[in-house]
């Protein structure tokens, strides 16, 4: 190969490497260090939640007893661990209504969270929003069913309130 062709190839490789590095830095999440960013990106691929059904819908909800609430359609989701280690995480329910004057208090919401192995027991939504803390083994997945309803014994303070919720998982470090 002559020197001119070799120079062009080396120039193309240097420009390509520069473009790859700068593009990666632009799309990388903002963390305190590059190692934290790389760990974040790696964790996204290895540990995630996947919706298996539409979300929970409480449109024009009226208070119902636990027996009826446990028969409502479930929101199903799957947690996947493709990593080589156990991962401990919290399953959380977040009420994303920001206006406190119309936000439905957790004490008015009943729920069940179960897997195929669980005995289903209804609970009141906790104030810290943590539904469960779970450890998932390496290279495995767990399917959950979540049901929510308005507590039969709620008082008039629950009426005219709103919630816009989502289920989230958060790894415990």
Foldseek 3Di string as FASTA:
>chain_A
DDPVVVVVVVVVVVVVVVVVVVVCVVPFDDDPDVVVSVVVVVVPVFKDKAWPDDDADQPVADADAPVVQVPDAWGKMKIGGQDQFKWKKFKFKDFPDDPPQQAADQQFKKKWKDFPPDDTDIDGQDPVRTPDIDIDGHGDMTMMTMTMHGHNPDDPSRPNHDTDMDIDMDTDD
